[in-house]
């Protein structure tokens, strides 16, 4: 049996992501809606981030 060579990927250099990640990124873009980062309130950032980790049953 042959061993395969394990390739290491730098995820920061990929041009595209997996479909769940891309859909979450689109949702975040819609919630931010072309505002500057300095215009977003801390509480709003917390709700956006926490919505990513809620279980979808």
PDB file of N, CA and C in Angstrom:
ATOM      1  N   UNK A   1       0.850  -1.177   0.000  1.00  0.00           N
ATOM      2  CA  UNK A   1       0.000   0.000   0.000  1.00  0.00           C
ATOM      3  C   UNK A   1       0.893   1.237   0.000  1.00  0.00           C
ATOM      4  N   UNK A   2       0.605   2.184  -0.859  1.00  0.00           N
ATOM      5  CA  UNK A   2       1.395   3.409  -0.959  1.00  0.00           C
ATOM      6  C   UNK A   2       0.860   4.494  -0.055  1.00  0.00           C
ATOM      7  N   UNK A   3       1.753   5.222   0.509  1.00  0.00           N
ATOM      8  CA  UNK A   3       1.338   6.367   1.318  1.00  0.00           C
ATOM      9  C   UNK A   3       1.227   7.590   0.423  1.00  0.00           C
ATOM     10  N   UNK A   4       0.215   8.366   0.663  1.00  0.00           N
ATOM     11  CA  UNK A   4       0.058   9.585  -0.122  1.00  0.00           C
ATOM     12  C   UNK A   4       0.781  10.722   0.575  1.00  0.00           C
ATOM     13  N   UNK A   5       1.252  11.639  -0.200  1.00  0.00           N
ATOM     14  CA  UNK A   5       1.948  12.798   0.350  1.00  0.00           C
ATOM     15  C   UNK A   5       0.903  13.792   0.835  1.00  0.00           C
ATOM     16  N   UNK A   6       1.029  14.184   2.071  1.00  0.00           N
ATOM     17  CA  UNK A   6       0.067  15.113   2.656  1.00  0.00           C
ATOM     18  C   UNK A   6       0.435  16.538   2.235  1.00  0.00           C
ATOM     19  N   UNK A   7      -0.506  17.210   1.582  1.00  0.00           N
ATOM     20  CA  UNK A   7      -0.274  18.578   1.150  1.00  0.00           C
ATOM     21  C   UNK A   7      -0.816  19.529   2.199  1.00  0.00           C
ATOM     22  N   UNK A   8      -0.086  20.579   2.442  1.00  0.00           N
ATOM     23  CA  UNK A   8      -0.545  21.602   3.378  1.00  0.00           C
ATOM     24  C   UNK A   8      -1.052  22.791   2.580  1.00  0.00           C
ATOM     25  N   UNK A   9      -2.225  23.279   2.952  1.00  0.00           N
ATOM     26  CA  UNK A   9      -2.830  24.404   2.270  1.00  0.00           C
ATOM     27  C   UNK A   9      -2.804  25.618   3.176  1.00  0.00           C
ATOM     28  N   UNK A  10      -2.454  26.754   2.607  1.00  0.00           N
ATOM     29  CA  UNK A  10      -2.552  28.013   3.331  1.00  0.00           C
ATOM     30  C   UNK A  10      -3.932  28.586   3.034  1.00  0.00           C
ATOM     31  N   UNK A  11      -4.838  28.505   3.994  1.00  0.00           N
ATOM     32  CA  UNK A  11      -6.216  28.927   3.776  1.00  0.00           C
ATOM     33  C   UNK A  11      -6.339  30.430   3.537  1.00  0.00           C
ATOM     34  N   UNK A  12      -5.348  31.199   3.962  1.00  0.00           N
ATOM     35  CA  UNK A  12      -5.401  32.637   3.756  1.00  0.00           C
ATOM     36  C   UNK A  12      -5.144  33.029   2.311  1.00  0.00           C
ATOM     37  N   UNK A  13      -4.559  32.130   1.523  1.00  0.00           N
ATOM     38  CA  UNK A  13      -4.213  32.452   0.139  1.00  0.00           C
ATOM     39  C   UNK A  13      -5.201  31.879  -0.872  1.00  0.00           C
ATOM     40  N   UNK A  14      -6.207  31.147  -0.408  1.00  0.00           N
ATOM     41  CA  UNK A  14      -7.176  30.574  -1.326  1.00  0.00           C
ATOM     42  C   UNK A  14      -8.073  31.661  -1.902  1.00  0.00           C
ATOM     43  N   UNK A  15      -8.439  31.526  -3.168  1.00  0.00           N
ATOM     44  CA  UNK A  15      -9.300  32.510  -3.813  1.00  0.00           C
ATOM     45  C   UNK A  15     -10.763  32.272  -3.499  1.00  0.00           C
ATOM     46  N   UNK A  16     -11.138  31.029  -3.265  1.00  0.00           N
ATOM     47  CA  UNK A  16     -12.521  30.704  -2.938  1.00  0.00           C
ATOM     48  C   UNK A  16     -12.538  29.862  -1.677  1.00  0.00           C
ATOM     49  N   UNK A  17     -13.672  29.803  -1.032  1.00  0.00           N
ATOM     50  CA  UNK A  17     -13.805  29.007   0.176  1.00  0.00           C
ATOM     51  C   UNK A  17     -14.850  27.924  -0.009  1.00  0.00           C
ATOM     52  N   UNK A  18     -15.109  27.206   1.039  1.00  0.00           N
ATOM     53  CA  UNK A  18     -16.144  26.178   0.979  1.00  0.00           C
ATOM     54  C   UNK A  18     -17.513  26.857   0.976  1.00  0.00           C
ATOM     55  N   UNK A  19     -18.515  26.154   0.532  1.00  0.00           N
ATOM     56  CA  UNK A  19     -19.833  26.760   0.376  1.00  0.00           C
ATOM     57  C   UNK A  19     -20.448  27.242   1.699  1.00  0.00           C
ATOM     58  N   UNK A  20     -20.305  26.514   2.830  1.00  0.00           N
ATOM     59  CA  UNK A  20     -20.849  27.054   4.084  1.00  0.00           C
ATOM     60  C   UNK A  20     -20.165  28.355   4.507  1.00  0.00           C
ATOM     61  N   UNK A  21     -18.850  28.432   4.299  1.00  0.00           N
ATOM     62  CA  UNK A  21     -18.118  29.653   4.659  1.00  0.00           C
ATOM     63  C   UNK A  21     -18.526  30.814   3.767  1.00  0.00           C
ATOM     64  N   UNK A  22     -18.683  30.541   2.484  1.00  0.00           N
ATOM     65  CA  UNK A  22     -19.060  31.590   1.551  1.00  0.00           C
ATOM     66  C   UNK A  22     -20.465  32.108   1.840  1.00  0.00           C
ATOM     67  N   UNK A  23     -21.382  31.226   2.216  1.00  0.00           N
ATOM     68  CA  UNK A  23     -22.740  31.679   2.515  1.00  0.00           C
ATOM     69  C   UNK A  23     -22.763  32.520   3.787  1.00  0.00           C
ATOM     70  N   UNK A  24     -21.962  32.149   4.783  1.00  0.00           N
ATOM     71  CA  UNK A  24     -21.881  32.952   6.010  1.00  0.00           C
ATOM     72  C   UNK A  24     -21.250  34.314   5.723  1.00  0.00           C
ATOM     73  N   UNK A  25     -20.262  34.342   4.848  1.00  0.00           N
ATOM     74  CA  UNK A  25     -19.634  35.615   4.489  1.00  0.00           C
ATOM     75  C   UNK A  25     -20.624  36.528   3.779  1.00  0.00           C
ATOM     76  N   UNK A  26     -21.470  35.956   2.919  1.00  0.00           N
ATOM     77  CA  UNK A  26     -22.478  36.758   2.232  1.00  0.00           C
ATOM     78  C   UNK A  26     -23.494  37.317   3.210  1.00  0.00           C
ATOM     79  N   UNK A  27     -23.878  36.514   4.208  1.00  0.00           N
ATOM     80  CA  UNK A  27     -24.819  36.978   5.221  1.00  0.00           C
ATOM     81  C   UNK A  27     -24.227  38.145   6.016  1.00  0.00           C
ATOM     82  N   UNK A  28     -22.934  38.021   6.355  1.00  0.00           N
ATOM     83  CA  UNK A  28     -22.278  39.098   7.104  1.00  0.00           C
ATOM     84  C   UNK A  28     -22.187  40.363   6.260  1.00  0.00           C
ATOM     85  N   UNK A  29     -21.904  40.241   4.981  1.00  0.00           N
ATOM     86  CA  UNK A  29     -21.845  41.398   4.097  1.00  0.00           C
ATOM     87  C   UNK A  29     -23.197  42.104   4.029  1.00  0.00           C
ATOM     88  N   UNK A  30     -24.267  41.318   3.995  1.00  0.00           N
ATOM     89  CA  UNK A  30     -25.602  41.907   3.949  1.00  0.00           C
ATOM     90  C   UNK A  30     -25.923  42.649   5.242  1.00  0.00           C
ATOM     91  N   UNK A  31     -25.496  42.111   6.372  1.00  0.00           N
ATOM     92  CA  UNK A  31     -25.761  42.762   7.649  1.00  0.00           C
ATOM     93  C   UNK A  31     -24.942  44.035   7.808  1.00  0.00           C
ATOM     94  N   UNK A  32     -23.734  44.039   7.266  1.00  0.00           N
ATOM     95  CA  UNK A  32     -22.881  45.224   7.361  1.00  0.00           C
ATOM     96  C   UNK A  32     -23.322  46.273   6.346  1.00  0.00           C
ATOM     97  N   UNK A  33     -23.746  45.848   5.181  1.00  0.00           N
ATOM     98  CA  UNK A  33     -24.287  46.673   4.108  1.00  0.00           C
ATOM     99  C   UNK A  33     -23.428  47.889   3.757  1.00  0.00           C
ATOM    100  N   UNK A  34     -22.207  47.619   3.340  1.00  0.00           N
ATOM    101  CA  UNK A  34     -21.281  48.630   2.807  1.00  0.00           C
ATOM    102  C   UNK A  34     -20.963  49.782   3.763  1.00  0.00           C
ATOM    103  N   UNK A  35     -20.952  49.518   5.042  1.00  0.00           N
ATOM    104  CA  UNK A  35     -20.546  50.540   6.005  1.00  0.00           C
ATOM    105  C   UNK A  35     -19.089  50.344   6.359  1.00  0.00           C
ATOM    106  N   UNK A  36     -18.468  51.405   6.827  1.00  0.00           N
ATOM    107  CA  UNK A  36     -17.093  51.299   7.296  1.00  0.00           C
ATOM    108  C   UNK A  36     -17.084  50.559   8.627  1.00  0.00           C
ATOM    109  N   UNK A  37     -15.986  49.915   8.924  1.00  0.00           N
ATOM    110  CA  UNK A  37     -15.869  49.156  10.172  1.00  0.00           C
ATOM    111  C   UNK A  37     -16.007  50.085  11.371  1.00  0.00           C
ATOM    112  N   UNK A  38     -15.512  51.306  11.260  1.00  0.00           N
ATOM    113  CA  UNK A  38     -15.583  52.250  12.372  1.00  0.00           C
ATOM    114  C   UNK A  38     -17.013  52.707  12.648  1.00  0.00           C
ATOM    115  N   UNK A  39     -17.918  52.550  11.689  1.00  0.00           N
ATOM    116  CA  UNK A  39     -19.314  52.964  11.876  1.00  0.00           C
ATOM    117  C   UNK A  39     -20.169  51.899  12.549  1.00  0.00           C
ATOM    118  N   UNK A  40     -19.660  50.678  12.633  1.00  0.00           N
ATOM    119  CA  UNK A  40     -20.429  49.580  13.211  1.00  0.00           C
ATOM    120  C   UNK A  40     -20.218  49.574  14.716  1.00  0.00           C
ATOM    121  N   UNK A  41     -21.314  49.495  15.450  1.00  0.00           N
ATOM    122  CA  UNK A  41     -21.235  49.494  16.905  1.00  0.00           C
ATOM    123  C   UNK A  41     -20.801  48.122  17.413  1.00  0.00           C
ATOM    124  N   UNK A  42     -20.193  48.107  18.576  1.00  0.00           N
ATOM    125  CA  UNK A  42     -19.665  46.870  19.160  1.00  0.00           C
ATOM    126  C   UNK A  42     -20.786  45.861  19.397  1.00  0.00           C
ATOM    127  N   UNK A  43     -21.914  46.307  19.872  1.00  0.00           N
ATOM    128  CA  UNK A  43     -23.028  45.391  20.129  1.00  0.00           C
ATOM    129  C   UNK A  43     -23.515  44.744  18.844  1.00  0.00           C
ATOM    130  N   UNK A  44     -23.500  45.502  17.759  1.00  0.00           N
ATOM    131  CA  UNK A  44     -23.922  44.951  16.477  1.00  0.00           C
ATOM    132  C   UNK A  44     -22.930  43.897  15.992  1.00  0.00           C
ATOM    133  N   UNK A  45     -21.651  44.124  16.203  1.00  0.00           N
ATOM    134  CA  UNK A  45     -20.627  43.144  15.835  1.00  0.00           C
ATOM    135  C   UNK A  45     -20.835  41.865  16.631  1.00  0.00           C
ATOM    136  N   UNK A  46     -21.131  42.004  17.913  1.00  0.00           N
ATOM    137  CA  UNK A  46     -21.354  40.830  18.754  1.00  0.00           C
ATOM    138  C   UNK A  46     -22.540  40.008  18.266  1.00  0.00           C
ATOM    139  N   UNK A  47     -23.626  40.669  17.856  1.00  0.00           N
ATOM    140  CA  UNK A  47     -24.794  39.920  17.375  1.00  0.00           C
ATOM    141  C   UNK A  47     -24.518  39.250  16.046  1.00  0.00           C
ATOM    142  N   UNK A  48     -23.752  39.906  15.181  1.00  0.00           N
ATOM    143  CA  UNK A  48     -23.414  39.298  13.894  1.00  0.00           C
ATOM    144  C   UNK A  48     -22.556  38.055  14.103  1.00  0.00           C
ATOM    145  N   UNK A  49     -21.557  38.164  14.959  1.00  0.00           N
ATOM    146  CA  UNK A  49     -20.665  37.025  15.213  1.00  0.00           C
ATOM    147  C   UNK A  49     -21.412  35.894  15.912  1.00  0.00           C
ATOM    148  N   UNK A  50     -22.239  36.224  16.900  1.00  0.00           N
ATOM    149  CA  UNK A  50     -22.955  35.169  17.618  1.00  0.00           C
ATOM    150  C   UNK A  50     -23.968  34.468  16.722  1.00  0.00           C
ATOM    151  N   UNK A  51     -24.521  35.178  15.725  1.00  0.00           N
ATOM    152  CA  UNK A  51     -25.479  34.533  14.820  1.00  0.00           C
ATOM    153  C   UNK A  51     -24.802  33.476  13.956  1.00  0.00           C
ATOM    154  N   UNK A  52     -23.514  33.590  13.754  1.00  0.00           N
ATOM    155  CA  UNK A  52     -22.792  32.595  12.964  1.00  0.00           C
ATOM    156  C   UNK A  52     -22.697  31.261  13.692  1.00  0.00           C
ATOM    157  N   UNK A  53     -22.688  31.290  15.019  1.00  0.00           N
ATOM    158  CA  UNK A  53     -22.458  30.083  15.793  1.00  0.00           C
ATOM    159  C   UNK A  53     -23.721  29.489  16.386  1.00  0.00           C
ATOM    160  N   UNK A  54     -24.882  30.060  16.074  1.00  0.00           N
ATOM    161  CA  UNK A  54     -26.134  29.482  16.569  1.00  0.00           C
ATOM    162  C   UNK A  54     -26.443  28.212  15.797  1.00  0.00           C
ATOM    163  N   UNK A  55     -26.975  27.244  16.514  1.00  0.00           N
ATOM    164  CA  UNK A  55     -27.321  25.976  15.884  1.00  0.00           C
ATOM    165  C   UNK A  55     -28.576  26.159  15.056  1.00  0.00           C
ATOM    166  N   UNK A  56     -28.558  25.566  13.891  1.00  0.00           N
ATOM    167  CA  UNK A  56     -29.720  25.595  12.998  1.00  0.00           C
ATOM    168  C   UNK A  56     -30.349  24.221  13.026  1.00  0.00           C
ATOM    169  N   UNK A  57     -31.405  24.057  13.804  1.00  0.00           N
ATOM    170  CA  UNK A  57     -32.050  22.749  13.930  1.00  0.00           C
ATOM    171  C   UNK A  57     -33.183  22.612  12.953  1.00  0.00           C
TER     172      UNK A  57
END
